[in-house]
Amino acid sequence: MVKPSPELTSVFSRLLEAFQEGNEPTVRGLMSPGEHTLIMGTDPREWFRGGEGVELILLQMREMAAFDYETRRIEAFEHDGVGWVAADVVSHVGGGSSVELRMSATFVLEGASWRLVHLHTSSPSPDDPEVIGSELSATMERILDSVDTDTEATALREMLGTRMVTLVFTDIEESTRRTAASGDYEWSRIVARHFDQVRQIAEENHGVLVKTLGDGAMLAFGAAEEAVRAATAIVGSTDVVGEGPPLRLRVGVHAGEAIRREDDFFGQTVNRAARIAAAAQPGQVLVSEVIRSLVAEVPDISFEAALSFELKGVPGVQTLYPVRVGG
């Protein structure tokens, strides 16, 4: 039976106090470190699971200027070892600024203690440095950079499932127009056949098709050379079933650290690989400087002249290289 929970009201109030006091041991003690834990914010980058969510909260606590919470309203309920809380809070930041927050949280009983497994904080001004007094971290790079030693960083990477991976993103040119011309059913058959080819090419090059994204795909490889070979093969596998011109693909390749959760990858490496694919011309494989350096000694992989791009969400001008398809 669902019932109001004064105990959870007290637990959540204690969590807020620990946040504003910078009491890291208490915050750790009240948060479940399991992979099921999810921390979300208004900033679209703030979507963290498990230990990385705990580390994000702690890092943001360290970065925040002095602040305190004014709790306007808390409602808490529980049923059979699960509890949930909703709160209307105002955060008063040093310098006189105030931020109105809506917070929701889910707790589970682990042993005899309530532990937080989900926290969602939303505000009208997501992570606005002018309001909160500093730029808060919302990326894995900032979290990993915050640890004190290489040993701690390595341990944290292992805990969070972070690994080196080479990613390939593909996208079909003018898919919306092709859908209208072919009809939904016929286009779905064409795309399904194409994805079967992409999966086969990935496996032939010791990679995997991670997921499909509308009319595009995300692939992962252990080696940059295999990823580039697969990318060029995919660009060449453009036959279709039925009438219509061959498919034309944009393909991007990038390598770096990414967070692996089950059968998917997340993080800035993933985002950058997708942006590189979006920058490619139809029929072109475009790779990052990292990829070019990794395959520089491979005799049958070569590149056209370097190109400069400003990629959405990536700071600075990026140098990218079109692969010379066919060697």
Protein backbone atom coordinates (compact mmCIF):
# COMPACT_ATOMS: atom_id res chain seq x y z
CA MET A 1 0.00 0.00 0.00
CA VAL A 2 1.33 3.44 -0.98
CA LYS A 3 1.72 5.71 2.01
CA PRO A 4 3.29 9.07 2.85
CA SER A 5 6.87 8.70 4.07
CA PRO A 6 8.12 11.15 6.71
CA GLU A 7 11.29 9.04 6.84
CA LEU A 8 12.05 9.70 3.17
CA THR A 9 11.29 13.38 3.63
CA SER A 10 13.98 13.40 6.31
CA VAL A 11 16.42 11.41 4.15
CA PHE A 12 16.00 13.76 1.19
CA SER A 13 16.38 16.82 3.43
CA ARG A 14 19.61 15.31 4.76
CA LEU A 15 20.82 14.82 1.16
CA LEU A 16 20.15 18.49 0.36
CA GLU A 17 22.02 19.55 3.49
CA ALA A 18 24.97 17.38 2.50
CA PHE A 19 24.99 18.98 -0.97
CA GLN A 20 25.17 22.52 0.40
CA GLU A 21 27.72 21.60 3.11
CA GLY A 22 29.98 19.79 0.65
CA ASN A 23 29.70 16.67 2.80
CA GLU A 24 30.96 14.09 0.30
CA PRO A 25 30.90 11.03 2.64
CA THR A 26 27.20 11.61 3.39
CA VAL A 27 26.34 12.11 -0.28
CA ARG A 28 28.17 8.89 -1.22
CA GLY A 29 26.43 7.06 1.60
CA LEU A 30 22.97 8.14 0.44
CA MET A 31 23.50 7.28 -3.26
CA SER A 32 23.45 3.76 -4.66
CA PRO A 33 26.59 3.14 -6.76
CA GLY A 34 24.92 0.47 -8.92
CA GLU A 35 24.59 0.78 -12.70
CA HIS A 36 20.85 1.27 -12.27
CA THR A 37 21.36 4.70 -10.68
CA LEU A 38 20.48 7.57 -13.04
CA ILE A 39 21.30 11.26 -12.53
CA MET A 40 19.66 13.78 -14.87
CA GLY A 41 19.64 17.57 -15.18
CA THR A 42 18.20 20.27 -17.39
CA ASP A 43 21.44 20.36 -19.37
CA PRO A 44 21.04 17.66 -22.09
CA ARG A 45 24.55 16.39 -21.35
CA GLU A 46 23.58 15.54 -17.78
CA TRP A 47 22.47 11.94 -18.18
CA PHE A 48 24.75 9.75 -16.08
CA ARG A 49 24.43 6.25 -14.70
CA GLY A 50 26.03 4.37 -11.83
CA GLY A 51 29.35 5.49 -10.43
CA GLU A 52 29.75 8.25 -13.00
CA GLY A 53 26.56 9.89 -11.69
CA VAL A 54 27.92 9.85 -8.15
CA GLU A 55 31.22 11.35 -9.34
CA LEU A 56 29.40 14.05 -11.32
CA ILE A 57 27.42 15.13 -8.27
CA LEU A 58 30.56 15.29 -6.14
CA LEU A 59 32.49 17.24 -8.77
CA GLN A 60 29.70 19.77 -9.21
CA MET A 61 29.58 20.21 -5.41
CA ARG A 62 33.29 21.11 -5.43
CA GLU A 63 32.85 23.57 -8.30
CA MET A 64 29.85 25.39 -6.87
CA ALA A 65 30.21 28.68 -5.08
CA ALA A 66 28.75 28.78 -1.57
CA PHE A 67 25.00 28.17 -1.69
CA ASP A 68 22.08 27.04 0.41
CA TYR A 69 18.67 25.55 -0.25
CA GLU A 70 15.32 26.97 0.71
CA THR A 71 12.84 24.10 0.60
CA ARG A 72 9.36 25.29 -0.26
CA ARG A 73 7.69 21.90 -0.46
CA ILE A 74 8.59 18.20 -0.18
CA GLU A 75 6.27 15.27 -0.82
CA ALA A 76 7.47 11.72 -0.21
CA PHE A 77 5.80 8.32 -0.54
CA GLU A 78 6.87 4.69 -0.26
CA HIS A 79 5.65 1.21 -1.07
CA ASP A 80 7.30 -2.18 -0.60
CA GLY A 81 10.89 -0.98 -0.35
CA VAL A 82 10.63 1.72 -3.03
CA GLY A 83 10.17 5.43 -2.30
CA TRP A 84 9.86 8.60 -4.31
CA VAL A 85 10.22 12.28 -3.49
CA ALA A 86 9.22 15.51 -5.22
CA ALA A 87 10.58 18.86 -4.04
CA ASP A 88 10.19 22.54 -4.89
CA VAL A 89 13.46 24.20 -3.93
CA VAL A 90 15.19 27.57 -4.32
CA SER A 91 18.97 27.56 -4.37
CA HIS A 92 20.55 30.81 -3.10
CA VAL A 93 24.01 31.16 -4.62
CA GLY A 94 26.81 33.34 -3.32
CA GLY A 95 26.55 36.84 -4.78
CA GLY A 96 22.79 37.07 -4.35
CA SER A 97 21.59 34.97 -7.28
CA SER A 98 18.76 32.49 -6.84
CA VAL A 99 17.75 29.49 -8.93
CA GLU A 100 14.35 27.84 -8.71
CA LEU A 101 14.59 24.06 -8.87
CA ARG A 102 12.15 21.20 -9.29
CA MET A 103 13.63 17.95 -8.00
CA SER A 104 12.38 14.40 -8.14
CA ALA A 105 14.11 11.40 -6.62
CA THR A 106 13.62 7.66 -6.32
CA PHE A 107 14.99 5.61 -3.44
CA VAL A 108 15.20 1.90 -2.71
CA LEU A 109 15.86 0.12 0.55
CA GLU A 110 19.32 -1.44 0.43
CA GLY A 111 19.60 -3.39 3.66
CA ALA A 112 18.21 -1.07 6.30
CA SER A 113 19.04 2.19 4.50
CA TRP A 114 17.32 4.23 1.83
CA ARG A 115 19.64 4.79 -1.15
CA LEU A 116 19.00 7.15 -4.04
CA VAL A 117 18.76 5.45 -7.47
CA HIS A 118 17.34 8.33 -9.52
CA LEU A 119 17.64 12.10 -9.27
CA HIS A 120 16.25 14.62 -11.74
CA THR A 121 16.90 18.32 -11.18
CA SER A 122 15.44 20.88 -13.56
CA SER A 123 15.66 24.66 -13.68
CA PRO A 124 14.88 27.49 -16.11
CA SER A 125 18.61 28.25 -16.46
CA PRO A 126 20.60 25.05 -16.94
CA ASP A 127 24.13 25.41 -15.58
CA ASP A 128 24.26 29.17 -16.26
CA PRO A 129 27.69 30.39 -15.00
CA GLU A 130 26.29 33.91 -14.48
CA VAL A 131 23.67 32.52 -12.10
CA ILE A 132 25.53 29.81 -10.19
CA GLY A 133 28.96 31.46 -10.15
CA SER A 134 30.90 28.81 -12.08
CA GLU A 135 30.72 26.48 -15.05
CA LEU A 136 29.66 23.08 -13.77
CA SER A 137 31.03 19.88 -15.25
CA ALA A 138 28.66 17.85 -17.35
CA THR A 139 31.07 15.64 -19.34
CA MET A 140 33.09 12.53 -18.65
CA GLU A 141 36.33 14.32 -19.55
CA ARG A 142 35.83 16.84 -16.73
CA ILE A 143 34.99 14.07 -14.27
CA LEU A 144 38.08 12.04 -15.18
CA ASP A 145 40.30 15.13 -15.19
CA SER A 146 39.15 15.95 -11.65
CA VAL A 147 40.74 12.90 -10.03
CA ASP A 148 44.10 13.47 -8.38
CA THR A 149 46.36 10.74 -9.76
CA ASP A 150 46.77 8.53 -12.84
CA THR A 151 46.06 5.49 -10.66
CA GLU A 152 42.76 6.96 -9.49
CA ALA A 153 41.84 7.97 -13.03
CA THR A 154 42.54 4.45 -14.29
CA ALA A 155 40.45 2.93 -11.49
CA LEU A 156 37.59 5.33 -12.22
CA ARG A 157 37.69 4.56 -15.93
CA GLU A 158 37.53 0.84 -15.15
CA MET A 159 34.62 1.37 -12.74
CA LEU A 160 32.67 3.38 -15.29
CA GLY A 161 33.27 0.92 -18.12
CA THR A 162 35.28 3.43 -20.16
CA ARG A 163 37.33 1.95 -22.98
CA MET A 164 39.15 2.88 -26.18
CA VAL A 165 37.08 2.25 -29.28
CA THR A 166 36.96 3.26 -32.94
CA LEU A 167 33.49 4.34 -34.04
CA VAL A 168 31.98 4.61 -37.50
CA PHE A 169 28.77 6.54 -38.20
CA THR A 170 26.88 6.30 -41.48
CA ASP A 171 24.01 8.35 -42.87
CA ILE A 172 22.00 8.00 -46.10
CA GLU A 173 21.80 11.15 -48.22
CA GLU A 174 18.32 12.59 -48.89
CA SER A 175 16.53 9.80 -47.05
CA THR A 176 13.42 11.93 -46.58
CA ARG A 177 13.10 12.56 -50.32
CA ARG A 178 13.82 8.90 -51.10
CA THR A 179 11.14 7.81 -48.65
CA ALA A 180 8.58 10.04 -50.35
CA ALA A 181 9.57 8.76 -53.79
CA SER A 182 9.65 5.07 -52.87
CA GLY A 183 6.88 4.93 -50.29
CA ASP A 184 7.30 3.92 -46.68
CA TYR A 185 7.09 0.17 -47.24
CA GLU A 186 9.53 -0.01 -50.16
CA TRP A 187 11.98 2.36 -48.46
CA SER A 188 11.90 0.28 -45.28
CA ARG A 189 12.87 -2.78 -47.37
CA ILE A 190 15.73 -0.86 -49.00
CA VAL A 191 17.06 0.36 -45.66
CA ALA A 192 16.73 -3.10 -44.05
CA ARG A 193 18.76 -4.63 -46.89
CA HIS A 194 21.34 -1.88 -46.54
CA PHE A 195 21.69 -2.50 -42.79
CA ASP A 196 22.16 -6.22 -43.46
CA GLN A 197 25.07 -5.30 -45.74
CA VAL A 198 26.49 -2.91 -43.16
CA ARG A 199 26.31 -5.59 -40.46
CA GLN A 200 28.05 -8.12 -42.70
CA ILE A 201 30.83 -5.68 -43.61
CA ALA A 202 31.36 -4.78 -39.95
CA GLU A 203 31.66 -8.44 -38.96
CA GLU A 204 34.04 -9.18 -41.84
CA ASN A 205 36.29 -6.45 -40.41
CA HIS A 206 36.04 -7.67 -36.79
CA GLY A 207 33.55 -5.01 -35.80
CA VAL A 208 29.94 -4.86 -34.70
CA LEU A 209 26.84 -2.96 -35.75
CA VAL A 210 26.02 -1.27 -32.44
CA LYS A 211 22.68 0.21 -33.45
CA THR A 212 20.75 1.81 -36.27
CA LEU A 213 19.67 5.44 -36.04
CA GLY A 214 16.81 6.11 -38.42
CA ASP A 215 18.55 5.77 -41.80
CA GLY A 216 22.03 5.74 -40.30
CA ALA A 217 24.11 3.31 -38.28
CA MET A 218 26.74 3.26 -35.54
CA LEU A 219 29.52 0.65 -35.67
CA ALA A 220 32.37 -0.12 -33.25
CA PHE A 221 35.81 -1.59 -33.93
CA GLY A 222 38.83 -2.51 -31.89
CA ALA A 223 41.29 -1.20 -34.48
CA ALA A 224 41.30 1.95 -36.61
CA GLU A 225 42.56 0.13 -39.70
CA GLU A 226 39.62 -2.28 -39.62
CA ALA A 227 37.18 0.60 -39.11
CA VAL A 228 38.50 2.52 -42.13
CA ARG A 229 38.39 -0.58 -44.32
CA ALA A 230 34.81 -1.22 -43.24
CA ALA A 231 33.87 2.43 -43.85
CA THR A 232 35.17 2.40 -47.42
CA ALA A 233 33.46 -0.92 -48.11
CA ILE A 234 30.16 0.46 -46.79
CA VAL A 235 30.38 3.47 -49.11
CA GLY A 236 30.77 1.02 -51.98
CA SER A 237 27.84 -1.20 -50.93
CA THR A 238 25.12 1.06 -52.25
CA ASP A 239 22.97 -1.26 -54.34
CA VAL A 240 19.22 -1.14 -53.72
CA VAL A 241 16.25 -3.41 -54.27
CA GLY A 242 13.83 -2.21 -56.94
CA GLU A 243 13.93 1.00 -58.91
CA GLY A 244 15.82 4.11 -57.96
CA PRO A 245 19.40 5.40 -57.90
CA PRO A 246 22.06 3.79 -55.69
CA LEU A 247 22.31 4.94 -52.10
CA ARG A 248 24.83 7.63 -51.32
CA LEU A 249 26.30 7.62 -47.83
CA ARG A 250 28.09 10.03 -45.56
CA VAL A 251 30.53 8.21 -43.25
CA GLY A 252 32.60 9.49 -40.33
CA VAL A 253 35.30 7.71 -38.32
CA HIS A 254 36.81 8.71 -34.97
CA ALA A 255 38.56 6.96 -32.07
CA GLY A 256 38.83 7.69 -28.37
CA GLU A 257 37.50 6.79 -24.96
CA ALA A 258 33.82 5.99 -24.70
CA ILE A 259 31.59 4.69 -21.95
CA ARG A 260 30.27 1.22 -22.66
CA ARG A 261 26.92 0.29 -21.16
CA GLU A 262 25.78 -3.18 -22.13
CA ASP A 263 25.81 -3.12 -25.96
CA ASP A 264 26.00 0.64 -26.51
CA PHE A 265 28.56 3.46 -26.26
CA PHE A 266 28.18 6.99 -24.90
CA GLY A 267 30.31 10.10 -24.45
CA GLN A 268 32.13 12.82 -26.36
CA THR A 269 33.92 10.35 -28.67
CA VAL A 270 30.52 9.13 -29.84
CA ASN A 271 29.25 12.67 -30.35
CA ARG A 272 32.33 13.70 -32.32
CA ALA A 273 32.18 10.65 -34.60
CA ALA A 274 28.56 11.48 -35.40
CA ARG A 275 29.45 15.12 -36.14
CA ILE A 276 32.23 14.02 -38.48
CA ALA A 277 29.78 11.85 -40.42
CA ALA A 278 27.40 14.81 -40.70
CA ALA A 279 30.22 16.93 -42.16
CA ALA A 280 31.07 14.39 -44.87
CA GLN A 281 29.93 14.77 -48.48
CA PRO A 282 27.72 12.08 -50.02
CA GLY A 283 29.92 9.16 -51.04
CA GLN A 284 32.74 10.33 -48.75
CA VAL A 285 34.49 8.76 -45.76
CA LEU A 286 35.78 11.50 -43.46
CA VAL A 287 38.14 10.72 -40.56
CA SER A 288 39.61 12.61 -37.62
CA GLU A 289 43.27 13.43 -37.10
CA VAL A 290 43.37 10.63 -34.53
CA ILE A 291 42.34 8.06 -37.13
CA ARG A 292 44.74 9.40 -39.73
CA SER A 293 47.66 9.09 -37.34
CA LEU A 294 46.65 5.55 -36.33
CA VAL A 295 46.63 4.29 -39.94
CA ALA A 296 49.51 6.43 -41.26
CA GLU A 297 51.73 3.39 -41.79
CA VAL A 298 49.11 1.25 -43.53
CA PRO A 299 50.29 1.16 -47.17
CA ASP A 300 46.92 0.77 -48.93
CA ILE A 301 45.04 3.46 -46.99
CA SER A 302 45.56 7.03 -48.18
CA PHE A 303 43.86 10.37 -47.88
CA GLU A 304 42.92 13.44 -49.85
CA ALA A 305 44.06 16.89 -48.73
CA ALA A 306 43.10 17.94 -45.22
CA LEU A 307 39.91 19.94 -44.72
CA SER A 308 38.92 22.32 -41.93
CA PHE A 309 35.51 22.19 -40.26
CA GLU A 310 33.66 23.74 -37.38
CA LEU A 311 31.64 20.88 -35.92
CA LYS A 312 28.52 21.61 -33.90
CA GLY A 313 29.21 21.16 -30.20
CA VAL A 314 32.98 20.71 -30.72
CA PRO A 315 35.19 23.68 -29.78
CA GLY A 316 37.68 25.06 -32.28
CA VAL A 317 38.35 24.31 -35.93
CA GLN A 318 38.77 20.59 -36.64
CA THR A 319 41.08 19.12 -39.28
CA LEU A 320 39.49 16.16 -41.02
CA TYR A 321 40.70 13.91 -43.85
CA PRO A 322 38.70 12.34 -46.70
CA VAL A 323 39.74 8.75 -47.33
CA ARG A 324 40.86 8.09 -50.90
CA VAL A 325 38.39 5.32 -51.64
CA GLY A 326 40.04 2.51 -53.59
CA GLY A 327 43.53 3.30 -52.25
